[in-house]
């Protein structure tokens, strides 16, 4: 049985989204490095092997910024 996080509209979010390719640990590490250590988007892109535009959207909280408001159990 798997537990998935969902937003207020009932859509999968974060690591439980079916198209997710970047782990939450990497997202948190990127944000910490950018905010605390002032590492730029290009350097983060090179470190993690992720496109600069995606790194920028993550660090500016445009994507991967929702928190689950409910959880759902699914079989599989």
PDB file of N, CA and C in Angstrom:
ATOM      1  N   UNK A   1       0.846  -1.181   0.000  1.00  0.00           N
ATOM      2  CA  UNK A   1       0.000   0.000   0.000  1.00  0.00           C
ATOM      3  C   UNK A   1       0.892   1.245   0.000  1.00  0.00           C
ATOM      4  N   UNK A   2       0.557   2.214  -0.824  1.00  0.00           N
ATOM      5  CA  UNK A   2       1.323   3.443  -0.956  1.00  0.00           C
ATOM      6  C   UNK A   2       0.471   4.627  -0.501  1.00  0.00           C
ATOM      7  N   UNK A   3       1.098   5.581   0.156  1.00  0.00           N
ATOM      8  CA  UNK A   3       0.407   6.795   0.594  1.00  0.00           C
ATOM      9  C   UNK A   3       0.883   7.948  -0.282  1.00  0.00           C
ATOM     10  N   UNK A   4      -0.055   8.701  -0.843  1.00  0.00           N
ATOM     11  CA  UNK A   4       0.293   9.825  -1.701  1.00  0.00           C
ATOM     12  C   UNK A   4      -0.263  11.112  -1.117  1.00  0.00           C
ATOM     13  N   UNK A   5       0.480  12.209  -1.305  1.00  0.00           N
ATOM     14  CA  UNK A   5       0.044  13.520  -0.841  1.00  0.00           C
ATOM     15  C   UNK A   5      -0.785  14.211  -1.913  1.00  0.00           C
ATOM     16  N   UNK A   6      -1.833  14.909  -1.486  1.00  0.00           N
ATOM     17  CA  UNK A   6      -2.718  15.588  -2.427  1.00  0.00           C
ATOM     18  C   UNK A   6      -2.965  17.023  -1.968  1.00  0.00           C
ATOM     19  N   UNK A   7      -3.173  17.917  -2.953  1.00  0.00           N
ATOM     20  CA  UNK A   7      -3.487  19.308  -2.611  1.00  0.00           C
ATOM     21  C   UNK A   7      -4.981  19.457  -2.362  1.00  0.00           C
ATOM     22  N   UNK A   8      -5.416  20.685  -2.163  1.00  0.00           N
ATOM     23  CA  UNK A   8      -6.827  20.926  -1.830  1.00  0.00           C
ATOM     24  C   UNK A   8      -7.779  20.608  -2.981  1.00  0.00           C
ATOM     25  N   UNK A   9      -7.253  20.506  -4.203  1.00  0.00           N
ATOM     26  CA  UNK A   9      -8.085  20.161  -5.359  1.00  0.00           C
ATOM     27  C   UNK A   9      -8.095  18.670  -5.655  1.00  0.00           C
ATOM     28  N   UNK A  10      -7.385  17.892  -4.861  1.00  0.00           N
ATOM     29  CA  UNK A  10      -7.365  16.454  -5.040  1.00  0.00           C
ATOM     30  C   UNK A  10      -6.313  15.948  -6.017  1.00  0.00           C
ATOM     31  N   UNK A  11      -5.350  16.788  -6.392  1.00  0.00           N
ATOM     32  CA  UNK A  11      -4.288  16.387  -7.316  1.00  0.00           C
ATOM     33  C   UNK A  11      -3.047  15.949  -6.551  1.00  0.00           C
ATOM     34  N   UNK A  12      -2.333  14.973  -7.115  1.00  0.00           N
ATOM     35  CA  UNK A  12      -1.076  14.526  -6.529  1.00  0.00           C
ATOM     36  C   UNK A  12      -0.051  15.657  -6.589  1.00  0.00           C
ATOM     37  N   UNK A  13       0.759  15.750  -5.542  1.00  0.00           N
ATOM     38  CA  UNK A  13       1.789  16.784  -5.515  1.00  0.00           C
ATOM     39  C   UNK A  13       3.097  16.195  -4.990  1.00  0.00           C
ATOM     40  N   UNK A  14       4.190  16.905  -5.242  1.00  0.00           N
ATOM     41  CA  UNK A  14       5.500  16.520  -4.725  1.00  0.00           C
ATOM     42  C   UNK A  14       5.962  15.168  -5.226  1.00  0.00           C
ATOM     43  N   UNK A  15       6.579  14.393  -4.347  1.00  0.00           N
ATOM     44  CA  UNK A  15       7.135  13.092  -4.706  1.00  0.00           C
ATOM     45  C   UNK A  15       6.070  12.088  -5.114  1.00  0.00           C
ATOM     46  N   UNK A  16       4.841  12.289  -4.707  1.00  0.00           N
ATOM     47  CA  UNK A  16       3.795  11.330  -5.054  1.00  0.00           C
ATOM     48  C   UNK A  16       3.190  11.597  -6.434  1.00  0.00           C
ATOM     49  N   UNK A  17       3.574  12.694  -7.072  1.00  0.00           N
ATOM     50  CA  UNK A  17       3.082  12.970  -8.427  1.00  0.00           C
ATOM     51  C   UNK A  17       3.689  11.975  -9.399  1.00  0.00           C
ATOM     52  N   UNK A  18       2.902  11.494 -10.321  1.00  0.00           N
ATOM     53  CA  UNK A  18       3.338  10.434 -11.229  1.00  0.00           C
ATOM     54  C   UNK A  18       4.478  10.855 -12.155  1.00  0.00           C
ATOM     55  N   UNK A  19       4.664  12.140 -12.427  1.00  0.00           N
ATOM     56  CA  UNK A  19       5.730  12.613 -13.309  1.00  0.00           C
ATOM     57  C   UNK A  19       6.939  13.164 -12.554  1.00  0.00           C
ATOM     58  N   UNK A  20       6.983  13.009 -11.255  1.00  0.00           N
ATOM     59  CA  UNK A  20       8.075  13.551 -10.447  1.00  0.00           C
ATOM     60  C   UNK A  20       9.383  12.827 -10.761  1.00  0.00           C
ATOM     61  N   UNK A  21      10.441  13.599 -11.045  1.00  0.00           N
ATOM     62  CA  UNK A  21      11.752  13.012 -11.311  1.00  0.00           C
ATOM     63  C   UNK A  21      12.821  13.516 -10.344  1.00  0.00           C
ATOM     64  N   UNK A  22      12.514  14.552  -9.573  1.00  0.00           N
ATOM     65  CA  UNK A  22      13.474  15.133  -8.641  1.00  0.00           C
ATOM     66  C   UNK A  22      12.990  14.851  -7.225  1.00  0.00           C
ATOM     67  N   UNK A  23      13.836  14.212  -6.427  1.00  0.00           N
ATOM     68  CA  UNK A  23      13.433  13.858  -5.063  1.00  0.00           C
ATOM     69  C   UNK A  23      13.295  15.106  -4.192  1.00  0.00           C
ATOM     70  N   UNK A  24      12.533  14.970  -3.126  1.00  0.00           N
ATOM     71  CA  UNK A  24      12.333  16.084  -2.208  1.00  0.00           C
ATOM     72  C   UNK A  24      13.638  16.447  -1.504  1.00  0.00           C
ATOM     73  N   UNK A  25      14.504  15.468  -1.287  1.00  0.00           N
ATOM     74  CA  UNK A  25      15.798  15.737  -0.666  1.00  0.00           C
ATOM     75  C   UNK A  25      16.636  16.673  -1.527  1.00  0.00           C
ATOM     76  N   UNK A  26      16.632  16.456  -2.834  1.00  0.00           N
ATOM     77  CA  UNK A  26      17.387  17.318  -3.746  1.00  0.00           C
ATOM     78  C   UNK A  26      16.773  18.713  -3.778  1.00  0.00           C
ATOM     79  N   UNK A  27      15.449  18.796  -3.799  1.00  0.00           N
ATOM     80  CA  UNK A  27      14.772  20.094  -3.797  1.00  0.00           C
ATOM     81  C   UNK A  27      15.148  20.874  -2.545  1.00  0.00           C
ATOM     82  N   UNK A  28      15.098  20.217  -1.401  1.00  0.00           N
ATOM     83  CA  UNK A  28      15.452  20.882  -0.142  1.00  0.00           C
ATOM     84  C   UNK A  28      16.918  21.316  -0.125  1.00  0.00           C
ATOM     85  N   UNK A  29      17.803  20.456  -0.613  1.00  0.00           N
ATOM     86  CA  UNK A  29      19.231  20.777  -0.641  1.00  0.00           C
ATOM     87  C   UNK A  29      19.508  21.971  -1.558  1.00  0.00           C
ATOM     88  N   UNK A  30      18.854  21.999  -2.744  1.00  0.00           N
ATOM     89  CA  UNK A  30      19.025  23.126  -3.669  1.00  0.00           C
ATOM     90  C   UNK A  30      18.581  24.429  -3.028  1.00  0.00           C
ATOM     91  N   UNK A  31      17.423  24.397  -2.393  1.00  0.00           N
ATOM     92  CA  UNK A  31      16.909  25.618  -1.758  1.00  0.00           C
ATOM     93  C   UNK A  31      17.810  26.070  -0.618  1.00  0.00           C
ATOM     94  N   UNK A  32      18.288  25.129   0.182  1.00  0.00           N
ATOM     95  CA  UNK A  32      19.191  25.473   1.279  1.00  0.00           C
ATOM     96  C   UNK A  32      20.487  26.086   0.757  1.00  0.00           C
ATOM     97  N   UNK A  33      21.061  25.473  -0.272  1.00  0.00           N
ATOM     98  CA  UNK A  33      22.316  25.998  -0.827  1.00  0.00           C
ATOM     99  C   UNK A  33      22.115  27.382  -1.423  1.00  0.00           C
ATOM    100  N   UNK A  34      20.981  27.605  -2.085  1.00  0.00           N
ATOM    101  CA  UNK A  34      20.726  28.902  -2.699  1.00  0.00           C
ATOM    102  C   UNK A  34      20.465  29.976  -1.640  1.00  0.00           C
ATOM    103  N   UNK A  35      19.642  29.650  -0.651  1.00  0.00           N
ATOM    104  CA  UNK A  35      19.247  30.645   0.346  1.00  0.00           C
ATOM    105  C   UNK A  35      20.325  30.883   1.411  1.00  0.00           C
ATOM    106  N   UNK A  36      20.984  29.830   1.862  1.00  0.00           N
ATOM    107  CA  UNK A  36      21.943  29.960   2.956  1.00  0.00           C
ATOM    108  C   UNK A  36      23.362  30.256   2.479  1.00  0.00           C
ATOM    109  N   UNK A  37      23.768  29.591   1.409  1.00  0.00           N
ATOM    110  CA  UNK A  37      25.143  29.708   0.936  1.00  0.00           C
ATOM    111  C   UNK A  37      25.287  30.590  -0.298  1.00  0.00           C
ATOM    112  N   UNK A  38      24.179  31.153  -0.779  1.00  0.00           N
ATOM    113  CA  UNK A  38      24.160  32.050  -1.937  1.00  0.00           C
ATOM    114  C   UNK A  38      24.756  31.418  -3.202  1.00  0.00           C
ATOM    115  N   UNK A  39      24.518  30.131  -3.406  1.00  0.00           N
ATOM    116  CA  UNK A  39      24.976  29.454  -4.612  1.00  0.00           C
ATOM    117  C   UNK A  39      24.019  29.821  -5.744  1.00  0.00           C
ATOM    118  N   UNK A  40      24.568  30.188  -6.894  1.00  0.00           N
ATOM    119  CA  UNK A  40      23.761  30.632  -8.023  1.00  0.00           C
ATOM    120  C   UNK A  40      23.074  29.486  -8.754  1.00  0.00           C
ATOM    121  N   UNK A  41      22.126  29.860  -9.624  1.00  0.00           N
ATOM    122  CA  UNK A  41      21.348  28.875 -10.369  1.00  0.00           C
ATOM    123  C   UNK A  41      22.220  28.044 -11.302  1.00  0.00           C
ATOM    124  N   UNK A  42      23.165  28.669 -11.962  1.00  0.00           N
ATOM    125  CA  UNK A  42      24.028  27.924 -12.895  1.00  0.00           C
ATOM    126  C   UNK A  42      24.882  26.905 -12.163  1.00  0.00           C
ATOM    127  N   UNK A  43      25.399  27.289 -11.033  1.00  0.00           N
ATOM    128  CA  UNK A  43      26.229  26.349 -10.263  1.00  0.00           C
ATOM    129  C   UNK A  43      25.384  25.203  -9.739  1.00  0.00           C
ATOM    130  N   UNK A  44      24.188  25.498  -9.235  1.00  0.00           N
ATOM    131  CA  UNK A  44      23.291  24.443  -8.773  1.00  0.00           C
ATOM    132  C   UNK A  44      22.920  23.516  -9.924  1.00  0.00           C
ATOM    133  N   UNK A  45      22.699  24.098 -11.076  1.00  0.00           N
ATOM    134  CA  UNK A  45      22.374  23.308 -12.262  1.00  0.00           C
ATOM    135  C   UNK A  45      23.500  22.333 -12.586  1.00  0.00           C
ATOM    136  N   UNK A  46      24.728  22.796 -12.496  1.00  0.00           N
ATOM    137  CA  UNK A  46      25.878  21.931 -12.777  1.00  0.00           C
ATOM    138  C   UNK A  46      26.054  20.864 -11.696  1.00  0.00           C
ATOM    139  N   UNK A  47      25.827  21.219 -10.450  1.00  0.00           N
ATOM    140  CA  UNK A  47      26.000  20.288  -9.339  1.00  0.00           C
ATOM    141  C   UNK A  47      24.994  19.143  -9.418  1.00  0.00           C
ATOM    142  N   UNK A  48      23.721  19.483  -9.661  1.00  0.00           N
ATOM    143  CA  UNK A  48      22.660  18.482  -9.612  1.00  0.00           C
ATOM    144  C   UNK A  48      22.284  17.911 -10.973  1.00  0.00           C
ATOM    145  N   UNK A  49      22.808  18.490 -12.049  1.00  0.00           N
ATOM    146  CA  UNK A  49      22.491  17.979 -13.380  1.00  0.00           C
ATOM    147  C   UNK A  49      21.051  18.242 -13.791  1.00  0.00           C
ATOM    148  N   UNK A  50      20.532  19.387 -13.385  1.00  0.00           N
ATOM    149  CA  UNK A  50      19.153  19.782 -13.682  1.00  0.00           C
ATOM    150  C   UNK A  50      19.202  21.098 -14.443  1.00  0.00           C
ATOM    151  N   UNK A  51      18.290  21.284 -15.395  1.00  0.00           N
ATOM    152  CA  UNK A  51      18.286  22.509 -16.194  1.00  0.00           C
ATOM    153  C   UNK A  51      18.201  23.741 -15.302  1.00  0.00           C
ATOM    154  N   UNK A  52      18.901  24.804 -15.716  1.00  0.00           N
ATOM    155  CA  UNK A  52      18.944  26.040 -14.925  1.00  0.00           C
ATOM    156  C   UNK A  52      17.558  26.616 -14.714  1.00  0.00           C
ATOM    157  N   UNK A  53      16.708  26.572 -15.728  1.00  0.00           N
ATOM    158  CA  UNK A  53      15.363  27.134 -15.589  1.00  0.00           C
ATOM    159  C   UNK A  53      14.547  26.371 -14.537  1.00  0.00           C
ATOM    160  N   UNK A  54      14.749  25.065 -14.458  1.00  0.00           N
ATOM    161  CA  UNK A  54      14.051  24.264 -13.445  1.00  0.00           C
ATOM    162  C   UNK A  54      14.580  24.594 -12.059  1.00  0.00           C
ATOM    163  N   UNK A  55      15.895  24.730 -11.923  1.00  0.00           N
ATOM    164  CA  UNK A  55      16.497  25.106 -10.640  1.00  0.00           C
ATOM    165  C   UNK A  55      15.953  26.458 -10.191  1.00  0.00           C
ATOM    166  N   UNK A  56      15.858  27.401 -11.116  1.00  0.00           N
ATOM    167  CA  UNK A  56      15.349  28.735 -10.789  1.00  0.00           C
ATOM    168  C   UNK A  56      13.903  28.662 -10.311  1.00  0.00           C
ATOM    169  N   UNK A  57      13.070  27.903 -10.990  1.00  0.00           N
ATOM    170  CA  UNK A  57      11.663  27.777 -10.589  1.00  0.00           C
ATOM    171  C   UNK A  57      11.520  27.123  -9.225  1.00  0.00           C
ATOM    172  N   UNK A  58      12.379  26.142  -8.943  1.00  0.00           N
ATOM    173  CA  UNK A  58      12.339  25.489  -7.631  1.00  0.00           C
ATOM    174  C   UNK A  58      12.781  26.456  -6.539  1.00  0.00           C
ATOM    175  N   UNK A  59      13.877  27.175  -6.765  1.00  0.00           N
ATOM    176  CA  UNK A  59      14.407  28.090  -5.744  1.00  0.00           C
ATOM    177  C   UNK A  59      13.503  29.292  -5.498  1.00  0.00           C
ATOM    178  N   UNK A  60      12.733  29.687  -6.504  1.00  0.00           N
ATOM    179  CA  UNK A  60      11.794  30.792  -6.340  1.00  0.00           C
ATOM    180  C   UNK A  60      10.413  30.317  -5.902  1.00  0.00           C
ATOM    181  N   UNK A  61      10.284  29.023  -5.631  1.00  0.00           N
ATOM    182  CA  UNK A  61       9.048  28.405  -5.150  1.00  0.00           C
ATOM    183  C   UNK A  61       7.896  28.517  -6.156  1.00  0.00           C
ATOM    184  N   UNK A  62       8.225  28.579  -7.445  1.00  0.00           N
ATOM    185  CA  UNK A  62       7.187  28.540  -8.475  1.00  0.00           C
ATOM    186  C   UNK A  62       6.670  27.123  -8.663  1.00  0.00           C
ATOM    187  N   UNK A  63       7.553  26.142  -8.490  1.00  0.00           N
ATOM    188  CA  UNK A  63       7.161  24.737  -8.559  1.00  0.00           C
ATOM    189  C   UNK A  63       7.656  24.038  -7.307  1.00  0.00           C
ATOM    190  N   UNK A  64       7.051  22.916  -6.983  1.00  0.00           N
ATOM    191  CA  UNK A  64       7.376  22.111  -5.802  1.00  0.00           C
ATOM    192  C   UNK A  64       7.228  22.924  -4.518  1.00  0.00           C
ATOM    193  N   UNK A  65       6.179  23.742  -4.453  1.00  0.00           N
ATOM    194  CA  UNK A  65       5.995  24.606  -3.288  1.00  0.00           C
ATOM    195  C   UNK A  65       4.732  24.277  -2.494  1.00  0.00           C
ATOM    196  N   UNK A  66       3.956  23.307  -2.947  1.00  0.00           N
ATOM    197  CA  UNK A  66       2.724  22.977  -2.247  1.00  0.00           C
ATOM    198  C   UNK A  66       2.990  21.973  -1.129  1.00  0.00           C
ATOM    199  N   UNK A  67       2.158  22.039  -0.107  1.00  0.00           N
ATOM    200  CA  UNK A  67       2.205  21.041   0.949  1.00  0.00           C
ATOM    201  C   UNK A  67       0.901  20.254   0.908  1.00  0.00           C
ATOM    202  N   UNK A  68       0.965  18.961   1.176  1.00  0.00           N
ATOM    203  CA  UNK A  68      -0.246  18.153   1.118  1.00  0.00           C
ATOM    204  C   UNK A  68      -1.252  18.584   2.170  1.00  0.00           C
ATOM    205  N   UNK A  69      -2.509  18.651   1.781  1.00  0.00           N
ATOM    206  CA  UNK A  69      -3.552  18.958   2.763  1.00  0.00           C
ATOM    207  C   UNK A  69      -4.317  17.695   3.118  1.00  0.00           C
ATOM    208  N   UNK A  70      -4.131  16.633   2.311  1.00  0.00           N
ATOM    209  CA  UNK A  70      -4.729  15.346   2.654  1.00  0.00           C
ATOM    210  C   UNK A  70      -3.876  14.240   2.041  1.00  0.00           C
ATOM    211  N   UNK A  71      -4.063  13.058   2.558  1.00  0.00           N
ATOM    212  CA  UNK A  71      -3.291  11.894   2.112  1.00  0.00           C
ATOM    213  C   UNK A  71      -4.259  10.820   1.645  1.00  0.00           C
ATOM    214  N   UNK A  72      -3.808  10.034   0.697  1.00  0.00           N
ATOM    215  CA  UNK A  72      -4.643   8.964   0.154  1.00  0.00           C
ATOM    216  C   UNK A  72      -3.834   7.694   0.057  1.00  0.00           C
ATOM    217  N   UNK A  73      -4.440   6.582   0.433  1.00  0.00           N
ATOM    218  CA  UNK A  73      -3.787   5.280   0.328  1.00  0.00           C
ATOM    219  C   UNK A  73      -4.243   4.606  -0.959  1.00  0.00           C
ATOM    220  N   UNK A  74      -3.254   4.093  -1.705  1.00  0.00           N
ATOM    221  CA  UNK A  74      -3.570   3.362  -2.923  1.00  0.00           C
ATOM    222  C   UNK A  74      -2.846   2.020  -2.891  1.00  0.00           C
ATOM    223  N   UNK A  75      -3.396   1.047  -3.558  1.00  0.00           N
ATOM    224  CA  UNK A  75      -2.760  -0.268  -3.662  1.00  0.00           C
ATOM    225  C   UNK A  75      -1.812  -0.253  -4.841  1.00  0.00           C
ATOM    226  N   UNK A  76      -0.690  -0.908  -4.684  1.00  0.00           N
ATOM    227  CA  UNK A  76       0.242  -0.988  -5.805  1.00  0.00           C
ATOM    228  C   UNK A  76       1.592  -0.736  -5.383  1.00  0.00           C
TER     229      UNK A  76
END
